[in-house]
Amino acid sequence: MKRAAAENKVLLISYGAEWCIWCHVFAKYIHGERTRFEYTYGFPEEPDARQTSTIFEREKRNVAADAAELTAYVGLSFVVAHIDEQNAPNGHAVLEATGAAPFAGVSIPFIFTVDRRGRYAMRLESELVEIRRDTNDWYRGYERPRLLAELRRMRDAALK
């Protein structure tokens, strides 16, 4: 909150888990990565065991301009905090303190903004921005222009 206030930005919280594909991919999208997404994860019960997965974006068009626009907007507008629900010592306390807990639902990532007082403002509606296909090969990533529009709405809600 202090950093967001000092930089005149909104705090965007990504509450997720190390093993969550969408958590990793969201982070990579907002940092401009495209085409290939590789992430390594593990589980608390086996701290030394690591798994790496690679997923390829299946866009049929060049997304470089959309990726650059999304990354620039996030960099100018947000301070991003990633909280791991299983491993952060006070992760759930953040949901309670911000008033976000009732909005969290059961799936992750739970991505939301808070206002200048540190209170819940708005969540990312993932079904509006995810690209999926109803087959075993279901992952398709995020539709960047829709993700950008949703992030703009979230920022605006936090600034009201």
N, C-alpha and C. Protein backbone atom coordinates (compact mmCIF):
# COMPACT_ATOMS: atom_id res chain seq x y z
N MET A 1 0.83 -1.18 0.00
CA MET A 1 0.00 0.00 0.00
C MET A 1 0.87 1.25 0.00
N LYS A 2 1.93 1.23 0.79
CA LYS A 2 2.81 2.40 0.86
C LYS A 2 3.46 2.67 -0.49
N ARG A 3 3.93 1.62 -1.12
CA ARG A 3 4.57 1.79 -2.42
C ARG A 3 3.58 2.29 -3.47
N ALA A 4 2.37 1.73 -3.48
CA ALA A 4 1.35 2.17 -4.44
C ALA A 4 1.03 3.64 -4.21
N ALA A 5 0.89 4.06 -2.97
CA ALA A 5 0.60 5.46 -2.67
C ALA A 5 1.75 6.36 -3.10
N ALA A 6 2.98 5.94 -2.81
CA ALA A 6 4.16 6.75 -3.16
C ALA A 6 4.31 6.91 -4.66
N GLU A 7 3.92 5.88 -5.42
CA GLU A 7 4.04 5.91 -6.89
C GLU A 7 2.76 6.36 -7.58
N ASN A 8 1.75 6.73 -6.79
CA ASN A 8 0.45 7.14 -7.33
C ASN A 8 -0.14 6.06 -8.24
N LYS A 9 -0.12 4.83 -7.74
CA LYS A 9 -0.63 3.68 -8.48
C LYS A 9 -1.65 2.95 -7.62
N VAL A 10 -2.30 1.99 -8.21
CA VAL A 10 -3.28 1.16 -7.52
C VAL A 10 -2.62 -0.17 -7.18
N LEU A 11 -2.96 -0.71 -6.01
CA LEU A 11 -2.45 -2.01 -5.63
C LEU A 11 -3.31 -3.09 -6.25
N LEU A 12 -2.68 -3.97 -7.03
CA LEU A 12 -3.33 -5.11 -7.67
C LEU A 12 -2.80 -6.35 -6.97
N ILE A 13 -3.69 -7.14 -6.40
CA ILE A 13 -3.28 -8.33 -5.66
C ILE A 13 -3.67 -9.58 -6.44
N SER A 14 -2.71 -10.45 -6.65
CA SER A 14 -2.95 -11.75 -7.26
C SER A 14 -2.78 -12.79 -6.16
N TYR A 15 -3.90 -13.30 -5.68
CA TYR A 15 -3.92 -14.28 -4.59
C TYR A 15 -4.05 -15.65 -5.24
N GLY A 16 -3.02 -16.45 -5.15
CA GLY A 16 -3.03 -17.72 -5.86
C GLY A 16 -2.20 -18.78 -5.18
N ALA A 17 -1.57 -19.62 -5.98
CA ALA A 17 -0.76 -20.71 -5.46
C ALA A 17 0.37 -21.01 -6.43
N GLU A 18 1.43 -21.55 -5.89
CA GLU A 18 2.59 -21.87 -6.71
C GLU A 18 2.26 -22.86 -7.81
N TRP A 19 1.36 -23.80 -7.55
CA TRP A 19 1.02 -24.85 -8.51
C TRP A 19 -0.03 -24.41 -9.53
N CYS A 20 -0.57 -23.23 -9.39
CA CYS A 20 -1.68 -22.75 -10.23
C CYS A 20 -1.20 -22.21 -11.58
N ILE A 21 -1.58 -22.88 -12.65
CA ILE A 21 -1.17 -22.45 -13.98
C ILE A 21 -1.62 -21.02 -14.28
N TRP A 22 -2.88 -20.69 -13.98
CA TRP A 22 -3.40 -19.36 -14.31
C TRP A 22 -2.68 -18.27 -13.53
N CYS A 23 -2.22 -18.58 -12.32
CA CYS A 23 -1.48 -17.61 -11.52
C CYS A 23 -0.17 -17.24 -12.22
N HIS A 24 0.54 -18.25 -12.67
CA HIS A 24 1.82 -18.02 -13.35
C HIS A 24 1.61 -17.33 -14.69
N VAL A 25 0.63 -17.78 -15.43
CA VAL A 25 0.41 -17.22 -16.76
C VAL A 25 -0.06 -15.77 -16.66
N PHE A 26 -0.91 -15.45 -15.69
CA PHE A 26 -1.32 -14.06 -15.49
C PHE A 26 -0.08 -13.19 -15.27
N ALA A 27 0.81 -13.62 -14.39
CA ALA A 27 2.03 -12.86 -14.12
C ALA A 27 2.85 -12.67 -15.39
N LYS A 28 2.95 -13.69 -16.19
CA LYS A 28 3.74 -13.59 -17.42
C LYS A 28 3.07 -12.67 -18.44
N TYR A 29 1.76 -12.74 -18.53
CA TYR A 29 1.03 -11.86 -19.46
C TYR A 29 1.24 -10.40 -19.10
N ILE A 30 1.10 -10.05 -17.82
CA ILE A 30 1.21 -8.64 -17.46
C ILE A 30 2.64 -8.13 -17.54
N HIS A 31 3.60 -9.06 -17.67
CA HIS A 31 5.00 -8.66 -17.86
C HIS A 31 5.45 -8.80 -19.31
N GLY A 32 4.51 -8.95 -20.23
CA GLY A 32 4.81 -8.88 -21.64
C GLY A 32 5.22 -10.16 -22.34
N GLU A 33 5.25 -11.25 -21.63
CA GLU A 33 5.63 -12.49 -22.30
C GLU A 33 4.51 -12.94 -23.24
N ARG A 34 4.91 -13.66 -24.25
CA ARG A 34 3.92 -14.15 -25.21
C ARG A 34 4.45 -15.42 -25.87
N THR A 35 3.57 -16.14 -26.47
CA THR A 35 3.82 -17.34 -27.25
C THR A 35 4.12 -18.57 -26.40
N ARG A 36 5.15 -18.51 -25.56
CA ARG A 36 5.57 -19.68 -24.77
C ARG A 36 5.59 -19.31 -23.29
N PHE A 37 4.94 -20.14 -22.48
CA PHE A 37 4.87 -19.88 -21.05
C PHE A 37 5.39 -21.11 -20.32
N GLU A 38 6.48 -20.91 -19.62
CA GLU A 38 7.07 -21.99 -18.85
C GLU A 38 7.02 -21.62 -17.38
N TYR A 39 6.63 -22.55 -16.56
CA TYR A 39 6.60 -22.28 -15.14
C TYR A 39 7.01 -23.53 -14.37
N THR A 40 7.63 -23.30 -13.23
CA THR A 40 8.09 -24.37 -12.36
C THR A 40 7.36 -24.24 -11.04
N TYR A 41 6.91 -25.34 -10.52
CA TYR A 41 6.14 -25.31 -9.28
C TYR A 41 6.42 -26.55 -8.45
N GLY A 42 5.99 -26.49 -7.21
CA GLY A 42 6.13 -27.62 -6.31
C GLY A 42 4.98 -27.62 -5.32
N PHE A 43 5.07 -28.49 -4.34
CA PHE A 43 4.04 -28.62 -3.33
C PHE A 43 4.67 -28.62 -1.95
N PRO A 44 4.01 -28.02 -0.96
CA PRO A 44 4.60 -27.95 0.39
C PRO A 44 4.96 -29.31 0.97
N GLU A 45 4.18 -30.35 0.67
CA GLU A 45 4.48 -31.67 1.24
C GLU A 45 5.73 -32.30 0.63
N GLU A 46 6.19 -31.81 -0.51
CA GLU A 46 7.44 -32.28 -1.13
C GLU A 46 8.26 -31.08 -1.56
N PRO A 47 8.85 -30.34 -0.62
CA PRO A 47 9.51 -29.07 -0.95
C PRO A 47 10.68 -29.17 -1.92
N ASP A 48 11.30 -30.33 -2.04
CA ASP A 48 12.43 -30.46 -2.96
C ASP A 48 12.04 -30.95 -4.35
N ALA A 49 10.82 -31.41 -4.48
CA ALA A 49 10.35 -31.89 -5.79
C ALA A 49 9.81 -30.71 -6.58
N ARG A 50 10.26 -30.55 -7.80
CA ARG A 50 9.84 -29.45 -8.65
C ARG A 50 9.36 -30.02 -9.97
N GLN A 51 8.35 -29.38 -10.54
CA GLN A 51 7.84 -29.76 -11.84
C GLN A 51 7.85 -28.53 -12.74
N THR A 52 8.18 -28.72 -13.99
CA THR A 52 8.16 -27.63 -14.94
C THR A 52 7.20 -27.97 -16.06
N SER A 53 6.36 -27.04 -16.40
CA SER A 53 5.41 -27.21 -17.50
C SER A 53 5.60 -26.08 -18.50
N THR A 54 5.39 -26.40 -19.75
CA THR A 54 5.45 -25.41 -20.81
C THR A 54 4.14 -25.44 -21.57
N ILE A 55 3.61 -24.27 -21.80
CA ILE A 55 2.35 -24.13 -22.52
C ILE A 55 2.57 -23.12 -23.64
N PHE A 56 1.99 -23.40 -24.79
CA PHE A 56 2.15 -22.52 -25.94
C PHE A 56 0.84 -21.81 -26.23
N GLU A 57 0.95 -20.52 -26.39
CA GLU A 57 -0.21 -19.71 -26.76
C GLU A 57 -0.58 -20.05 -28.20
N ARG A 58 -1.85 -20.09 -28.50
CA ARG A 58 -2.29 -20.50 -29.82
C ARG A 58 -2.94 -19.36 -30.62
N GLU A 59 -2.45 -18.17 -30.45
CA GLU A 59 -2.98 -17.04 -31.22
C GLU A 59 -2.58 -17.20 -32.68
N LYS A 60 -3.50 -16.88 -33.56
CA LYS A 60 -3.21 -16.97 -35.00
C LYS A 60 -2.70 -15.65 -35.56
N ARG A 61 -2.66 -14.63 -34.72
CA ARG A 61 -2.19 -13.32 -35.18
C ARG A 61 -1.02 -12.87 -34.30
N ASN A 62 -0.32 -11.87 -34.75
CA ASN A 62 0.80 -11.32 -34.00
C ASN A 62 0.25 -10.51 -32.82
N VAL A 63 0.64 -10.88 -31.61
CA VAL A 63 0.12 -10.22 -30.41
C VAL A 63 1.15 -9.28 -29.77
N ALA A 64 2.24 -9.00 -30.46
CA ALA A 64 3.31 -8.20 -29.87
C ALA A 64 2.82 -6.82 -29.44
N ALA A 65 2.05 -6.14 -30.27
CA ALA A 65 1.56 -4.81 -29.92
C ALA A 65 0.61 -4.86 -28.73
N ASP A 66 -0.28 -5.85 -28.71
CA ASP A 66 -1.19 -6.00 -27.57
C ASP A 66 -0.43 -6.30 -26.29
N ALA A 67 0.59 -7.15 -26.38
CA ALA A 67 1.40 -7.49 -25.20
C ALA A 67 2.13 -6.26 -24.68
N ALA A 68 2.68 -5.46 -25.58
CA ALA A 68 3.39 -4.24 -25.17
C ALA A 68 2.44 -3.24 -24.52
N GLU A 69 1.25 -3.09 -25.08
CA GLU A 69 0.27 -2.15 -24.52
C GLU A 69 -0.17 -2.60 -23.12
N LEU A 70 -0.42 -3.88 -22.96
CA LEU A 70 -0.83 -4.42 -21.67
C LEU A 70 0.26 -4.21 -20.62
N THR A 71 1.48 -4.54 -20.96
CA THR A 71 2.60 -4.40 -20.03
C THR A 71 2.82 -2.95 -19.65
N ALA A 72 2.76 -2.05 -20.61
CA ALA A 72 2.93 -0.63 -20.32
C ALA A 72 1.85 -0.13 -19.37
N TYR A 73 0.61 -0.52 -19.62
CA TYR A 73 -0.49 -0.08 -18.77
C TYR A 73 -0.31 -0.59 -17.34
N VAL A 74 0.02 -1.85 -17.20
CA VAL A 74 0.21 -2.42 -15.86
C VAL A 74 1.35 -1.69 -15.15
N GLY A 75 2.45 -1.45 -15.84
CA GLY A 75 3.59 -0.77 -15.24
C GLY A 75 3.29 0.65 -14.79
N LEU A 76 2.47 1.35 -15.55
CA LEU A 76 2.11 2.73 -15.20
C LEU A 76 1.00 2.82 -14.16
N SER A 77 0.20 1.78 -14.05
CA SER A 77 -1.02 1.87 -13.24
C SER A 77 -1.00 1.12 -11.92
N PHE A 78 -0.20 0.07 -11.82
CA PHE A 78 -0.31 -0.83 -10.67
C PHE A 78 1.01 -1.12 -9.98
N VAL A 79 0.91 -1.39 -8.70
CA VAL A 79 1.92 -2.12 -7.96
C VAL A 79 1.28 -3.49 -7.78
N VAL A 80 1.97 -4.54 -8.20
CA VAL A 80 1.41 -5.88 -8.18
C VAL A 80 2.00 -6.67 -7.01
N ALA A 81 1.11 -7.26 -6.22
CA ALA A 81 1.53 -8.12 -5.11
C ALA A 81 1.00 -9.53 -5.37
N HIS A 82 1.89 -10.50 -5.34
CA HIS A 82 1.51 -11.91 -5.49
C HIS A 82 1.52 -12.53 -4.10
N ILE A 83 0.41 -13.15 -3.73
CA ILE A 83 0.30 -13.79 -2.42
C ILE A 83 -0.05 -15.26 -2.65
N ASP A 84 0.77 -16.14 -2.12
CA ASP A 84 0.53 -17.58 -2.24
C ASP A 84 -0.36 -18.02 -1.08
N GLU A 85 -1.53 -18.56 -1.41
CA GLU A 85 -2.48 -18.92 -0.37
C GLU A 85 -1.96 -20.01 0.57
N GLN A 86 -1.08 -20.86 0.11
CA GLN A 86 -0.58 -21.95 0.94
C GLN A 86 0.68 -21.60 1.70
N ASN A 87 1.51 -20.75 1.13
CA ASN A 87 2.83 -20.52 1.70
C ASN A 87 3.05 -19.15 2.31
N ALA A 88 2.21 -18.16 1.99
CA ALA A 88 2.36 -16.84 2.60
C ALA A 88 1.90 -16.92 4.05
N PRO A 89 2.70 -16.45 4.99
CA PRO A 89 2.34 -16.62 6.40
C PRO A 89 1.04 -15.92 6.79
N ASN A 90 0.70 -14.83 6.13
CA ASN A 90 -0.51 -14.10 6.49
C ASN A 90 -1.40 -13.85 5.28
N GLY A 91 -1.36 -14.76 4.32
CA GLY A 91 -2.12 -14.55 3.08
C GLY A 91 -3.60 -14.36 3.30
N HIS A 92 -4.21 -15.23 4.09
CA HIS A 92 -5.65 -15.10 4.31
C HIS A 92 -5.96 -13.83 5.11
N ALA A 93 -5.03 -13.41 5.96
CA ALA A 93 -5.23 -12.17 6.73
C ALA A 93 -5.36 -10.97 5.81
N VAL A 94 -4.67 -10.99 4.66
CA VAL A 94 -4.79 -9.90 3.69
C VAL A 94 -6.21 -9.84 3.14
N LEU A 95 -6.79 -11.01 2.85
CA LEU A 95 -8.16 -11.04 2.35
C LEU A 95 -9.12 -10.47 3.38
N GLU A 96 -8.90 -10.82 4.63
CA GLU A 96 -9.76 -10.31 5.71
C GLU A 96 -9.57 -8.81 5.90
N ALA A 97 -8.32 -8.36 5.96
CA ALA A 97 -8.04 -6.95 6.22
C ALA A 97 -8.54 -6.02 5.13
N THR A 98 -8.54 -6.50 3.89
CA THR A 98 -8.99 -5.67 2.78
C THR A 98 -10.49 -5.75 2.57
N GLY A 99 -11.14 -6.71 3.21
CA GLY A 99 -12.57 -6.93 2.98
C GLY A 99 -12.83 -7.74 1.72
N ALA A 100 -11.79 -8.35 1.16
CA ALA A 100 -11.92 -9.10 -0.09
C ALA A 100 -12.40 -10.53 0.11
N ALA A 101 -12.29 -11.07 1.32
CA ALA A 101 -12.61 -12.48 1.56
C ALA A 101 -13.99 -12.90 1.04
N PRO A 102 -15.05 -12.12 1.24
CA PRO A 102 -16.36 -12.56 0.74
C PRO A 102 -16.45 -12.64 -0.79
N PHE A 103 -15.53 -12.01 -1.49
CA PHE A 103 -15.55 -11.98 -2.95
C PHE A 103 -14.62 -13.02 -3.57
N ALA A 104 -13.86 -13.73 -2.74
CA ALA A 104 -12.81 -14.61 -3.23
C ALA A 104 -13.32 -15.82 -3.98
N GLY A 105 -14.44 -16.39 -3.61
CA GLY A 105 -14.91 -17.60 -4.27
C GLY A 105 -14.02 -18.78 -3.93
N VAL A 106 -14.07 -19.80 -4.78
CA VAL A 106 -13.34 -21.03 -4.49
C VAL A 106 -12.17 -21.27 -5.45
N SER A 107 -12.07 -20.52 -6.51
CA SER A 107 -10.99 -20.77 -7.48
C SER A 107 -9.92 -19.70 -7.38
N ILE A 108 -8.75 -20.05 -7.86
CA ILE A 108 -7.64 -19.12 -7.92
C ILE A 108 -7.14 -19.06 -9.36
N PRO A 109 -6.49 -18.00 -9.75
CA PRO A 109 -6.15 -16.87 -8.91
C PRO A 109 -7.36 -15.97 -8.65
N PHE A 110 -7.34 -15.35 -7.50
CA PHE A 110 -8.29 -14.32 -7.14
C PHE A 110 -7.51 -13.02 -7.29
N ILE A 111 -7.79 -12.30 -8.35
CA ILE A 111 -7.05 -11.08 -8.68
C ILE A 111 -7.98 -9.91 -8.43
N PHE A 112 -7.50 -8.97 -7.60
CA PHE A 112 -8.36 -7.85 -7.24
C PHE A 112 -7.55 -6.60 -6.96
N THR A 113 -8.26 -5.47 -6.95
CA THR A 113 -7.65 -4.19 -6.61
C THR A 113 -8.21 -3.73 -5.27
N VAL A 114 -7.44 -2.86 -4.63
CA VAL A 114 -7.91 -2.21 -3.40
C VAL A 114 -7.84 -0.71 -3.59
N ASP A 115 -8.68 0.01 -2.86
CA ASP A 115 -8.68 1.46 -2.97
C ASP A 115 -7.55 2.05 -2.11
N ARG A 116 -7.50 3.36 -2.05
CA ARG A 116 -6.41 4.04 -1.32
C ARG A 116 -6.45 3.77 0.19
N ARG A 117 -7.59 3.35 0.71
CA ARG A 117 -7.72 3.01 2.13
C ARG A 117 -7.37 1.55 2.39
N GLY A 118 -7.06 0.81 1.32
CA GLY A 118 -6.72 -0.60 1.46
C GLY A 118 -7.92 -1.52 1.50
N ARG A 119 -9.06 -1.04 1.00
CA ARG A 119 -10.29 -1.82 0.98
C ARG A 119 -10.55 -2.38 -0.41
N TYR A 120 -11.11 -3.56 -0.46
CA TYR A 120 -11.46 -4.23 -1.70
C TYR A 120 -12.22 -3.29 -2.63
N ALA A 121 -11.81 -3.27 -3.91
CA ALA A 121 -12.48 -2.42 -4.90
C ALA A 121 -13.19 -3.28 -5.96
N MET A 122 -12.44 -4.18 -6.61
CA MET A 122 -13.02 -4.96 -7.70
C MET A 122 -12.15 -6.16 -8.01
N ARG A 123 -12.78 -7.25 -8.47
CA ARG A 123 -12.05 -8.46 -8.85
C ARG A 123 -11.97 -8.57 -10.37
N LEU A 124 -10.97 -9.32 -10.84
CA LEU A 124 -10.86 -9.66 -12.25
C LEU A 124 -11.88 -10.75 -12.54
N GLU A 125 -12.73 -10.52 -13.49
CA GLU A 125 -13.72 -11.52 -13.90
C GLU A 125 -13.05 -12.39 -14.97
N SER A 126 -12.44 -13.48 -14.54
CA SER A 126 -11.61 -14.30 -15.42
C SER A 126 -12.38 -14.86 -16.61
N GLU A 127 -13.65 -15.18 -16.43
CA GLU A 127 -14.41 -15.74 -17.56
C GLU A 127 -14.57 -14.74 -18.70
N LEU A 128 -14.35 -13.46 -18.42
CA LEU A 128 -14.43 -12.44 -19.47
C LEU A 128 -13.15 -12.34 -20.29
N VAL A 129 -12.05 -12.84 -19.75
CA VAL A 129 -10.76 -12.60 -20.39
C VAL A 129 -9.98 -13.85 -20.78
N GLU A 130 -10.34 -15.00 -20.24
CA GLU A 130 -9.62 -16.23 -20.56
C GLU A 130 -10.05 -16.77 -21.92
N ILE A 131 -9.09 -17.33 -22.62
CA ILE A 131 -9.37 -18.03 -23.87
C ILE A 131 -9.30 -19.51 -23.55
N ARG A 132 -10.40 -20.22 -23.75
CA ARG A 132 -10.45 -21.65 -23.46
C ARG A 132 -11.10 -22.39 -24.60
N ARG A 133 -10.92 -23.66 -24.59
CA ARG A 133 -11.58 -24.53 -25.55
C ARG A 133 -12.07 -25.75 -24.79
N ASP A 134 -13.24 -26.22 -25.08
CA ASP A 134 -13.83 -27.33 -24.33
C ASP A 134 -13.32 -28.68 -24.80
N THR A 135 -12.01 -28.91 -24.64
CA THR A 135 -11.40 -30.20 -24.95
C THR A 135 -10.35 -30.47 -23.88
N ASN A 136 -9.64 -31.56 -23.99
CA ASN A 136 -8.56 -31.84 -23.05
C ASN A 136 -7.45 -30.80 -23.16
N ASP A 137 -7.27 -30.21 -24.32
CA ASP A 137 -6.27 -29.17 -24.55
C ASP A 137 -6.94 -27.82 -24.34
N TRP A 138 -7.40 -27.56 -23.11
CA TRP A 138 -8.30 -26.44 -22.84
C TRP A 138 -7.63 -25.09 -22.72
N TYR A 139 -6.35 -25.02 -22.37
CA TYR A 139 -5.72 -23.73 -22.12
C TYR A 139 -5.46 -22.96 -23.40
N ARG A 140 -5.80 -21.70 -23.40
CA ARG A 140 -5.50 -20.82 -24.53
C ARG A 140 -4.95 -19.48 -24.10
N GLY A 141 -4.86 -19.21 -22.82
CA GLY A 141 -4.30 -17.95 -22.35
C GLY A 141 -5.35 -16.89 -22.11
N TYR A 142 -4.93 -15.63 -22.22
CA TYR A 142 -5.82 -14.50 -22.03
C TYR A 142 -5.97 -13.74 -23.34
N GLU A 143 -7.12 -13.19 -23.55
CA GLU A 143 -7.38 -12.30 -24.69
C GLU A 143 -6.91 -10.93 -24.24
N ARG A 144 -5.75 -10.49 -24.70
CA ARG A 144 -5.11 -9.29 -24.17
C ARG A 144 -5.97 -8.03 -24.22
N PRO A 145 -6.64 -7.71 -25.32
CA PRO A 145 -7.47 -6.50 -25.30
C PRO A 145 -8.58 -6.56 -24.24
N ARG A 146 -9.16 -7.73 -24.06
CA ARG A 146 -10.20 -7.86 -23.01
C ARG A 146 -9.58 -7.79 -21.62
N LEU A 147 -8.39 -8.38 -21.44
CA LEU A 147 -7.70 -8.30 -20.16
C LEU A 147 -7.36 -6.85 -19.85
N LEU A 148 -6.88 -6.12 -20.82
CA LEU A 148 -6.57 -4.71 -20.62
C LEU A 148 -7.82 -3.92 -20.23
N ALA A 149 -8.91 -4.16 -20.90
CA ALA A 149 -10.17 -3.46 -20.57
C ALA A 149 -10.60 -3.78 -19.14
N GLU A 150 -10.49 -5.03 -18.74
CA GLU A 150 -10.87 -5.43 -17.39
C GLU A 150 -9.95 -4.78 -16.35
N LEU A 151 -8.65 -4.72 -16.63
CA LEU A 151 -7.72 -4.07 -15.70
C LEU A 151 -8.00 -2.57 -15.60
N ARG A 152 -8.41 -1.96 -16.68
CA ARG A 152 -8.79 -0.53 -16.62
C ARG A 152 -10.00 -0.34 -15.71
N ARG A 153 -10.99 -1.23 -15.84
CA ARG A 153 -12.17 -1.13 -14.98
C ARG A 153 -11.80 -1.32 -13.51
N MET A 154 -10.89 -2.25 -13.27
CA MET A 154 -10.45 -2.51 -11.90
C MET A 154 -9.71 -1.32 -11.31
N ARG A 155 -8.89 -0.68 -12.11
CA ARG A 155 -8.16 0.52 -11.65
C ARG A 155 -9.15 1.64 -11.37
N ASP A 156 -10.08 1.86 -12.28
CA ASP A 156 -11.07 2.91 -12.09
C ASP A 156 -11.89 2.69 -10.82
N ALA A 157 -12.26 1.45 -10.56
CA ALA A 157 -13.04 1.13 -9.35
C ALA A 157 -12.23 1.45 -8.09
N ALA A 158 -10.93 1.22 -8.14
CA ALA A 158 -10.08 1.48 -6.98
C ALA A 158 -9.86 2.98 -6.75
N LEU A 159 -10.00 3.76 -7.81
CA LEU A 159 -9.76 5.21 -7.69
C LEU A 159 -11.01 6.00 -7.34
N LYS A 160 -12.16 5.36 -7.31
CA LYS A 160 -13.41 6.07 -6.98
C LYS A 160 -13.43 6.51 -5.54
